[in-house]
Amino acid sequence: MQIKSAGTIGFLDYIESRYGRLHGNRRLFLKENQHITASELSRWITAGYRLDLTNGDIFKSSNKKVNVKDILVFNKSNWFVADSFQC
């Protein structure tokens, strides 16, 4: 099982850890996640999509990284670094 960054795991790794490696493990996953089709699941596994274990988000990992900088906020006539970002 490969857990890369904090709380992410590959789809197949998740299914095998949750439902075992026996035949029918994907069927059990789909039974509990009826909003996902078998073709979607197969495509996500083949393409290397990952699952965020903290919130259930599905994403494709990349070797590219973003340089995360402080968020600047403009207030009247001044720019300053925000303490936290809220929408």
PDB file of N, CA and C in Angstrom:
ATOM      1  N   MET A   1       0.839  -1.172   0.000  1.00  0.00           N
ATOM      2  CA  MET A   1       0.000   0.000   0.000  1.00  0.00           C
ATOM      3  C   MET A   1       0.883   1.234   0.000  1.00  0.00           C
ATOM      4  N   GLN A   2       0.560   2.188  -0.857  1.00  0.00           N
ATOM      5  CA  GLN A   2       1.340   3.415  -0.944  1.00  0.00           C
ATOM      6  C   GLN A   2       0.500   4.598  -0.498  1.00  0.00           C
ATOM      7  N   ILE A   3       0.839   5.173   0.642  1.00  0.00           N
ATOM      8  CA  ILE A   3       0.226   6.422   1.068  1.00  0.00           C
ATOM      9  C   ILE A   3       1.277   7.481   0.843  1.00  0.00           C
ATOM     10  N   LYS A   4       1.059   8.339  -0.162  1.00  0.00           N
ATOM     11  CA  LYS A   4       2.073   9.322  -0.552  1.00  0.00           C
ATOM     12  C   LYS A   4       2.083  10.502   0.404  1.00  0.00           C
ATOM     13  N   SER A   5       1.244  11.470   0.138  1.00  0.00           N
ATOM     14  CA  SER A   5       1.237  12.644   0.997  1.00  0.00           C
ATOM     15  C   SER A   5       0.250  12.393   2.128  1.00  0.00           C
ATOM     16  N   ALA A   6       0.194  13.309   3.045  1.00  0.00           N
ATOM     17  CA  ALA A   6      -0.642  13.127   4.235  1.00  0.00           C
ATOM     18  C   ALA A   6      -2.082  12.832   3.855  1.00  0.00           C
ATOM     19  N   GLY A   7      -2.496  11.601   4.080  1.00  0.00           N
ATOM     20  CA  GLY A   7      -3.892  11.253   3.904  1.00  0.00           C
ATOM     21  C   GLY A   7      -4.336  10.918   2.498  1.00  0.00           C
ATOM     22  N   THR A   8      -3.438  10.591   1.568  1.00  0.00           N
ATOM     23  CA  THR A   8      -3.868  10.196   0.232  1.00  0.00           C
ATOM     24  C   THR A   8      -3.429   8.766  -0.045  1.00  0.00           C
ATOM     25  N   ILE A   9      -4.215   8.085  -0.863  1.00  0.00           N
ATOM     26  CA  ILE A   9      -3.931   6.695  -1.194  1.00  0.00           C
ATOM     27  C   ILE A   9      -4.465   6.427  -2.600  1.00  0.00           C
ATOM     28  N   GLY A  10      -3.820   5.536  -3.330  1.00  0.00           N
ATOM     29  CA  GLY A  10      -4.304   5.152  -4.648  1.00  0.00           C
ATOM     30  C   GLY A  10      -5.625   4.403  -4.529  1.00  0.00           C
ATOM     31  N   PHE A  11      -6.475   4.500  -5.541  1.00  0.00           N
ATOM     32  CA  PHE A  11      -7.790   3.860  -5.502  1.00  0.00           C
ATOM     33  C   PHE A  11      -7.700   2.358  -5.274  1.00  0.00           C
ATOM     34  N   LEU A  12      -6.841   1.688  -6.026  1.00  0.00           N
ATOM     35  CA  LEU A  12      -6.733   0.240  -5.887  1.00  0.00           C
ATOM     36  C   LEU A  12      -6.209  -0.133  -4.502  1.00  0.00           C
ATOM     37  N   ASP A  13      -5.248   0.628  -4.000  1.00  0.00           N
ATOM     38  CA  ASP A  13      -4.736   0.383  -2.651  1.00  0.00           C
ATOM     39  C   ASP A  13      -5.843   0.541  -1.609  1.00  0.00           C
ATOM     40  N   TYR A  14      -6.668   1.562  -1.787  1.00  0.00           N
ATOM     41  CA  TYR A  14      -7.776   1.776  -0.846  1.00  0.00           C
ATOM     42  C   TYR A  14      -8.756   0.605  -0.893  1.00  0.00           C
ATOM     43  N   ILE A  15      -9.135   0.211  -2.090  1.00  0.00           N
ATOM     44  CA  ILE A  15     -10.105  -0.881  -2.233  1.00  0.00           C
ATOM     45  C   ILE A  15      -9.559  -2.174  -1.640  1.00  0.00           C
ATOM     46  N   GLU A  16      -8.291  -2.467  -1.913  1.00  0.00           N
ATOM     47  CA  GLU A  16      -7.704  -3.695  -1.382  1.00  0.00           C
ATOM     48  C   GLU A  16      -7.538  -3.649   0.133  1.00  0.00           C
ATOM     49  N   SER A  17      -7.260  -2.480   0.696  1.00  0.00           N
ATOM     50  CA  SER A  17      -7.111  -2.391   2.145  1.00  0.00           C
ATOM     51  C   SER A  17      -8.472  -2.425   2.846  1.00  0.00           C
ATOM     52  N   ARG A  18      -9.514  -1.920   2.194  1.00  0.00           N
ATOM     53  CA  ARG A  18     -10.850  -1.860   2.805  1.00  0.00           C
ATOM     54  C   ARG A  18     -11.654  -3.131   2.555  1.00  0.00           C
ATOM     55  N   TYR A  19     -11.569  -3.686   1.341  1.00  0.00           N
ATOM     56  CA  TYR A  19     -12.420  -4.807   0.942  1.00  0.00           C
ATOM     57  C   TYR A  19     -11.644  -6.090   0.680  1.00  0.00           C
ATOM     58  N   GLY A  20     -10.335  -6.071   0.858  1.00  0.00           N
ATOM     59  CA  GLY A  20      -9.516  -7.252   0.639  1.00  0.00           C
ATOM     60  C   GLY A  20      -9.106  -7.399  -0.818  1.00  0.00           C
ATOM     61  N   ARG A  21      -8.298  -8.430  -1.073  1.00  0.00           N
ATOM     62  CA  ARG A  21      -7.793  -8.662  -2.431  1.00  0.00           C
ATOM     63  C   ARG A  21      -8.577  -9.730  -3.175  1.00  0.00           C
ATOM     64  N   LEU A  22      -9.625 -10.224  -2.574  1.00  0.00           N
ATOM     65  CA  LEU A  22     -10.407 -11.286  -3.196  1.00  0.00           C
ATOM     66  C   LEU A  22     -11.276 -10.761  -4.328  1.00  0.00           C
ATOM     67  N   HIS A  23     -11.685 -11.677  -5.201  1.00  0.00           N
ATOM     68  CA  HIS A  23     -12.571 -11.342  -6.307  1.00  0.00           C
ATOM     69  C   HIS A  23     -13.851 -10.705  -5.750  1.00  0.00           C
ATOM     70  N   GLY A  24     -14.293  -9.635  -6.348  1.00  0.00           N
ATOM     71  CA  GLY A  24     -15.517  -8.962  -5.925  1.00  0.00           C
ATOM     72  C   GLY A  24     -15.285  -7.745  -5.052  1.00  0.00           C
ATOM     73  N   ASN A  25     -14.023  -7.409  -4.799  1.00  0.00           N
ATOM     74  CA  ASN A  25     -13.753  -6.260  -3.936  1.00  0.00           C
ATOM     75  C   ASN A  25     -14.236  -4.939  -4.560  1.00  0.00           C
ATOM     76  N   ARG A  26     -14.102  -4.812  -5.869  1.00  0.00           N
ATOM     77  CA  ARG A  26     -14.580  -3.585  -6.534  1.00  0.00           C
ATOM     78  C   ARG A  26     -16.102  -3.512  -6.494  1.00  0.00           C
ATOM     79  N   ARG A  27     -16.742  -4.669  -6.609  1.00  0.00           N
ATOM     80  CA  ARG A  27     -18.211  -4.721  -6.553  1.00  0.00           C
ATOM     81  C   ARG A  27     -18.691  -4.243  -5.180  1.00  0.00           C
ATOM     82  N   LEU A  28     -18.008  -4.659  -4.117  1.00  0.00           N
ATOM     83  CA  LEU A  28     -18.366  -4.211  -2.768  1.00  0.00           C
ATOM     84  C   LEU A  28     -18.186  -2.701  -2.618  1.00  0.00           C
ATOM     85  N   PHE A  29     -17.087  -2.179  -3.183  1.00  0.00           N
ATOM     86  CA  PHE A  29     -16.862  -0.732  -3.162  1.00  0.00           C
ATOM     87  C   PHE A  29     -18.004  -0.011  -3.866  1.00  0.00           C
ATOM     88  N   LEU A  30     -18.375  -0.505  -5.044  1.00  0.00           N
ATOM     89  CA  LEU A  30     -19.431   0.146  -5.818  1.00  0.00           C
ATOM     90  C   LEU A  30     -20.789   0.050  -5.128  1.00  0.00           C
ATOM     91  N   LYS A  31     -21.017  -1.021  -4.387  1.00  0.00           N
ATOM     92  CA  LYS A  31     -22.270  -1.176  -3.647  1.00  0.00           C
ATOM     93  C   LYS A  31     -22.398  -0.100  -2.570  1.00  0.00           C
ATOM     94  N   GLU A  32     -21.283   0.247  -1.931  1.00  0.00           N
ATOM     95  CA  GLU A  32     -21.284   1.294  -0.904  1.00  0.00           C
ATOM     96  C   GLU A  32     -21.185   2.702  -1.489  1.00  0.00           C
ATOM     97  N   ASN A  33     -20.831   2.812  -2.762  1.00  0.00           N
ATOM     98  CA  ASN A  33     -20.677   4.113  -3.435  1.00  0.00           C
ATOM     99  C   ASN A  33     -21.475   4.091  -4.735  1.00  0.00           C
ATOM    100  N   GLN A  34     -22.787   4.044  -4.618  1.00  0.00           N
ATOM    101  CA  GLN A  34     -23.650   3.855  -5.779  1.00  0.00           C
ATOM    102  C   GLN A  34     -23.646   5.033  -6.743  1.00  0.00           C
ATOM    103  N   HIS A  35     -23.122   6.149  -6.336  1.00  0.00           N
ATOM    104  CA  HIS A  35     -23.032   7.306  -7.224  1.00  0.00           C
ATOM    105  C   HIS A  35     -21.843   7.201  -8.186  1.00  0.00           C
ATOM    106  N   ILE A  36     -21.015   6.178  -8.008  1.00  0.00           N
ATOM    107  CA  ILE A  36     -19.855   5.953  -8.880  1.00  0.00           C
ATOM    108  C   ILE A  36     -20.150   4.743  -9.761  1.00  0.00           C
ATOM    109  N   THR A  37     -19.884   4.877 -11.067  1.00  0.00           N
ATOM    110  CA  THR A  37     -20.115   3.756 -11.984  1.00  0.00           C
ATOM    111  C   THR A  37     -18.858   2.888 -12.081  1.00  0.00           C
ATOM    112  N   ALA A  38     -19.055   1.655 -12.521  1.00  0.00           N
ATOM    113  CA  ALA A  38     -17.939   0.722 -12.668  1.00  0.00           C
ATOM    114  C   ALA A  38     -16.921   1.233 -13.683  1.00  0.00           C
ATOM    115  N   SER A  39     -17.396   1.858 -14.761  1.00  0.00           N
ATOM    116  CA  SER A  39     -16.470   2.366 -15.777  1.00  0.00           C
ATOM    117  C   SER A  39     -15.648   3.533 -15.231  1.00  0.00           C
ATOM    118  N   GLU A  40     -16.264   4.390 -14.407  1.00  0.00           N
ATOM    119  CA  GLU A  40     -15.507   5.483 -13.784  1.00  0.00           C
ATOM    120  C   GLU A  40     -14.410   4.920 -12.880  1.00  0.00           C
ATOM    121  N   LEU A  41     -14.777   3.965 -12.040  1.00  0.00           N
ATOM    122  CA  LEU A  41     -13.815   3.376 -11.114  1.00  0.00           C
ATOM    123  C   LEU A  41     -12.646   2.742 -11.862  1.00  0.00           C
ATOM    124  N   SER A  42     -12.954   1.997 -12.906  1.00  0.00           N
ATOM    125  CA  SER A  42     -11.912   1.358 -13.703  1.00  0.00           C
ATOM    126  C   SER A  42     -10.985   2.394 -14.336  1.00  0.00           C
ATOM    127  N   ARG A  43     -11.561   3.454 -14.864  1.00  0.00           N
ATOM    128  CA  ARG A  43     -10.779   4.522 -15.496  1.00  0.00           C
ATOM    129  C   ARG A  43      -9.884   5.216 -14.468  1.00  0.00           C
ATOM    130  N   TRP A  44     -10.405   5.462 -13.262  1.00  0.00           N
ATOM    131  CA  TRP A  44      -9.630   6.134 -12.219  1.00  0.00           C
ATOM    132  C   TRP A  44      -8.470   5.264 -11.751  1.00  0.00           C
ATOM    133  N   ILE A  45      -8.707   3.964 -11.617  1.00  0.00           N
ATOM    134  CA  ILE A  45      -7.639   3.058 -11.191  1.00  0.00           C
ATOM    135  C   ILE A  45      -6.553   3.004 -12.252  1.00  0.00           C
ATOM    136  N   THR A  46      -6.956   2.848 -13.518  1.00  0.00           N
ATOM    137  CA  THR A  46      -6.000   2.764 -14.627  1.00  0.00           C
ATOM    138  C   THR A  46      -5.177   4.049 -14.757  1.00  0.00           C
ATOM    139  N   ALA A  47      -5.816   5.197 -14.558  1.00  0.00           N
ATOM    140  CA  ALA A  47      -5.138   6.487 -14.724  1.00  0.00           C
ATOM    141  C   ALA A  47      -4.321   6.894 -13.496  1.00  0.00           C
ATOM    142  N   GLY A  48      -4.382   6.120 -12.424  1.00  0.00           N
ATOM    143  CA  GLY A  48      -3.587   6.433 -11.249  1.00  0.00           C
ATOM    144  C   GLY A  48      -4.175   7.495 -10.346  1.00  0.00           C
ATOM    145  N   TYR A  49      -5.491   7.660 -10.387  1.00  0.00           N
ATOM    146  CA  TYR A  49      -6.122   8.642  -9.516  1.00  0.00           C
ATOM    147  C   TYR A  49      -5.949   8.240  -8.064  1.00  0.00           C
ATOM    148  N   ARG A  50      -5.993   9.233  -7.186  1.00  0.00           N
ATOM    149  CA  ARG A  50      -5.793   9.010  -5.756  1.00  0.00           C
ATOM    150  C   ARG A  50      -7.017   9.485  -4.986  1.00  0.00           C
ATOM    151  N   LEU A  51      -7.106   9.049  -3.762  1.00  0.00           N
ATOM    152  CA  LEU A  51      -8.223   9.374  -2.896  1.00  0.00           C
ATOM    153  C   LEU A  51      -7.679  10.081  -1.659  1.00  0.00           C
ATOM    154  N   ASP A  52      -8.248  11.228  -1.348  1.00  0.00           N
ATOM    155  CA  ASP A  52      -7.877  11.958  -0.140  1.00  0.00           C
ATOM    156  C   ASP A  52      -8.677  11.359   1.014  1.00  0.00           C
ATOM    157  N   LEU A  53      -7.999  10.733   1.965  1.00  0.00           N
ATOM    158  CA  LEU A  53      -8.674  10.040   3.057  1.00  0.00           C
ATOM    159  C   LEU A  53      -9.316  10.986   4.057  1.00  0.00           C
ATOM    160  N   THR A  54      -8.956  12.256   4.044  1.00  0.00           N
ATOM    161  CA  THR A  54      -9.536  13.190   5.004  1.00  0.00           C
ATOM    162  C   THR A  54     -10.916  13.677   4.582  1.00  0.00           C
ATOM    163  N   ASN A  55     -11.159  13.772   3.257  1.00  0.00           N
ATOM    164  CA  ASN A  55     -12.447  14.309   2.814  1.00  0.00           C
ATOM    165  C   ASN A  55     -13.081  13.548   1.650  1.00  0.00           C
ATOM    166  N   GLY A  56     -12.429  12.513   1.133  1.00  0.00           N
ATOM    167  CA  GLY A  56     -13.011  11.715   0.059  1.00  0.00           C
ATOM    168  C   GLY A  56     -12.841  12.294  -1.330  1.00  0.00           C
ATOM    169  N   ASP A  57     -12.089  13.385  -1.470  1.00  0.00           N
ATOM    170  CA  ASP A  57     -11.868  13.971  -2.800  1.00  0.00           C
ATOM    171  C   ASP A  57     -11.051  13.028  -3.674  1.00  0.00           C
ATOM    172  N   ILE A  58     -11.373  13.035  -4.959  1.00  0.00           N
ATOM    173  CA  ILE A  58     -10.690  12.216  -5.955  1.00  0.00           C
ATOM    174  C   ILE A  58      -9.827  13.145  -6.795  1.00  0.00           C
ATOM    175  N   PHE A  59      -8.568  12.758  -7.011  1.00  0.00           N
ATOM    176  CA  PHE A  59      -7.707  13.604  -7.832  1.00  0.00           C
ATOM    177  C   PHE A  59      -6.603  12.772  -8.472  1.00  0.00           C
ATOM    178  N   LYS A  60      -6.031  13.314  -9.512  1.00  0.00           N
ATOM    179  CA  LYS A  60      -4.887  12.687 -10.162  1.00  0.00           C
ATOM    180  C   LYS A  60      -3.638  13.385  -9.671  1.00  0.00           C
ATOM    181  N   SER A  61      -2.736  12.620  -9.103  1.00  0.00           N
ATOM    182  CA  SER A  61      -1.507  13.225  -8.590  1.00  0.00           C
ATOM    183  C   SER A  61      -0.623  13.666  -9.741  1.00  0.00           C
ATOM    184  N   SER A  62       0.262  14.577  -9.444  1.00  0.00           N
ATOM    185  CA  SER A  62       1.148  15.123 -10.450  1.00  0.00           C
ATOM    186  C   SER A  62       2.537  15.259  -9.853  1.00  0.00           C
ATOM    187  N   ASN A  63       3.533  15.235 -10.706  1.00  0.00           N
ATOM    188  CA  ASN A  63       4.885  15.468 -10.208  1.00  0.00           C
ATOM    189  C   ASN A  63       5.187  16.959 -10.136  1.00  0.00           C
ATOM    190  N   LYS A  64       4.278  17.778 -10.606  1.00  0.00           N
ATOM    191  CA  LYS A  64       4.429  19.229 -10.519  1.00  0.00           C
ATOM    192  C   LYS A  64       3.907  19.707  -9.177  1.00  0.00           C
ATOM    193  N   LYS A  65       4.587  20.662  -8.596  1.00  0.00           N
ATOM    194  CA  LYS A  65       4.185  21.234  -7.316  1.00  0.00           C
ATOM    195  C   LYS A  65       4.025  22.737  -7.471  1.00  0.00           C
ATOM    196  N   VAL A  66       3.168  23.311  -6.670  1.00  0.00           N
ATOM    197  CA  VAL A  66       2.924  24.744  -6.658  1.00  0.00           C
ATOM    198  C   VAL A  66       3.743  25.348  -5.529  1.00  0.00           C
ATOM    199  N   ASN A  67       4.404  26.442  -5.803  1.00  0.00           N
ATOM    200  CA  ASN A  67       5.092  27.187  -4.750  1.00  0.00           C
ATOM    201  C   ASN A  67       4.048  28.017  -4.021  1.00  0.00           C
ATOM    202  N   VAL A  68       3.645  27.558  -2.864  1.00  0.00           N
ATOM    203  CA  VAL A  68       2.597  28.225  -2.105  1.00  0.00           C
ATOM    204  C   VAL A  68       3.196  29.388  -1.344  1.00  0.00           C
ATOM    205  N   LYS A  69       2.657  30.551  -1.574  1.00  0.00           N
ATOM    206  CA  LYS A  69       3.128  31.779  -0.933  1.00  0.00           C
ATOM    207  C   LYS A  69       2.040  32.309  -0.011  1.00  0.00           C
ATOM    208  N   ASP A  70       2.406  33.249   0.836  1.00  0.00           N
ATOM    209  CA  ASP A  70       1.424  33.906   1.682  1.00  0.00           C
ATOM    210  C   ASP A  70       0.391  34.610   0.816  1.00  0.00           C
ATOM    211  N   ILE A  71      -0.817  34.683   1.311  1.00  0.00           N
ATOM    212  CA  ILE A  71      -1.895  35.345   0.586  1.00  0.00           C
ATOM    213  C   ILE A  71      -1.874  36.825   0.929  1.00  0.00           C
ATOM    214  N   LEU A  72      -1.831  37.660  -0.112  1.00  0.00           N
ATOM    215  CA  LEU A  72      -1.827  39.105   0.086  1.00  0.00           C
ATOM    216  C   LEU A  72      -3.242  39.637  -0.058  1.00  0.00           C
ATOM    217  N   VAL A  73      -3.596  40.539   0.836  1.00  0.00           N
ATOM    218  CA  VAL A  73      -4.926  41.137   0.831  1.00  0.00           C
ATOM    219  C   VAL A  73      -4.764  42.646   0.721  1.00  0.00           C
ATOM    220  N   PHE A  74      -5.600  43.240  -0.116  1.00  0.00           N
ATOM    221  CA  PHE A  74      -5.581  44.696  -0.270  1.00  0.00           C
ATOM    222  C   PHE A  74      -6.674  45.282   0.607  1.00  0.00           C
ATOM    223  N   ASN A  75      -6.294  46.171   1.523  1.00  0.00           N
ATOM    224  CA  ASN A  75      -7.255  46.800   2.417  1.00  0.00           C
ATOM    225  C   ASN A  75      -7.113  48.309   2.282  1.00  0.00           C
ATOM    226  N   LYS A  76      -8.082  48.929   1.682  1.00  0.00           N
ATOM    227  CA  LYS A  76      -8.096  50.367   1.414  1.00  0.00           C
ATOM    228  C   LYS A  76      -6.919  50.765   0.537  1.00  0.00           C
ATOM    229  N   SER A  77      -5.777  51.097   1.103  1.00  0.00           N
ATOM    230  CA  SER A  77      -4.641  51.499   0.277  1.00  0.00           C
ATOM    231  C   SER A  77      -3.383  50.689   0.575  1.00  0.00           C
ATOM    232  N   ASN A  78      -3.511  49.627   1.342  1.00  0.00           N
ATOM    233  CA  ASN A  78      -2.334  48.859   1.740  1.00  0.00           C
ATOM    234  C   ASN A  78      -2.492  47.377   1.416  1.00  0.00           C
ATOM    235  N   TRP A  79      -1.377  46.763   1.083  1.00  0.00           N
ATOM    236  CA  TRP A  79      -1.324  45.306   0.922  1.00  0.00           C
ATOM    237  C   TRP A  79      -0.758  44.723   2.205  1.00  0.00           C
ATOM    238  N   PHE A  80      -1.299  43.613   2.660  1.00  0.00           N
ATOM    239  CA  PHE A  80      -0.748  42.939   3.828  1.00  0.00           C
ATOM    240  C   PHE A  80      -0.965  41.431   3.698  1.00  0.00           C
ATOM    241  N   VAL A  81      -0.184  40.673   4.468  1.00  0.00           N
ATOM    242  CA  VAL A  81      -0.292  39.204   4.459  1.00  0.00           C
ATOM    243  C   VAL A  81      -1.472  38.814   5.338  1.00  0.00           C
ATOM    244  N   ALA A  82      -2.358  38.026   4.782  1.00  0.00           N
ATOM    245  CA  ALA A  82      -3.535  37.582   5.527  1.00  0.00           C
ATOM    246  C   ALA A  82      -3.148  36.530   6.553  1.00  0.00           C
ATOM    247  N   ASP A  83      -3.769  36.589   7.736  1.00  0.00           N
ATOM    248  CA  ASP A  83      -3.519  35.584   8.762  1.00  0.00           C
ATOM    249  C   ASP A  83      -4.146  34.253   8.371  1.00  0.00           C
ATOM    250  N   SER A  84      -5.316  34.300   7.789  1.00  0.00           N
ATOM    251  CA  SER A  84      -5.984  33.081   7.308  1.00  0.00           C
ATOM    252  C   SER A  84      -6.826  33.472   6.104  1.00  0.00           C
ATOM    253  N   PHE A  85      -7.077  32.497   5.271  1.00  0.00           N
ATOM    254  CA  PHE A  85      -7.843  32.751   4.053  1.00  0.00           C
ATOM    255  C   PHE A  85      -9.249  32.209   4.237  1.00  0.00           C
ATOM    256  N   GLN A  86     -10.226  33.069   4.083  1.00  0.00           N
ATOM    257  CA  GLN A  86     -11.619  32.650   4.160  1.00  0.00           C
ATOM    258  C   GLN A  86     -12.373  33.212   2.981  1.00  0.00           C
ATOM    259  N   CYS A  87     -13.200  32.373   2.382  1.00  0.00           N
ATOM    260  CA  CYS A  87     -14.012  32.832   1.251  1.00  0.00           C
ATOM    261  C   CYS A  87     -15.285  33.452   1.735  1.00  0.00           C
TER     262      CYS A  87
END
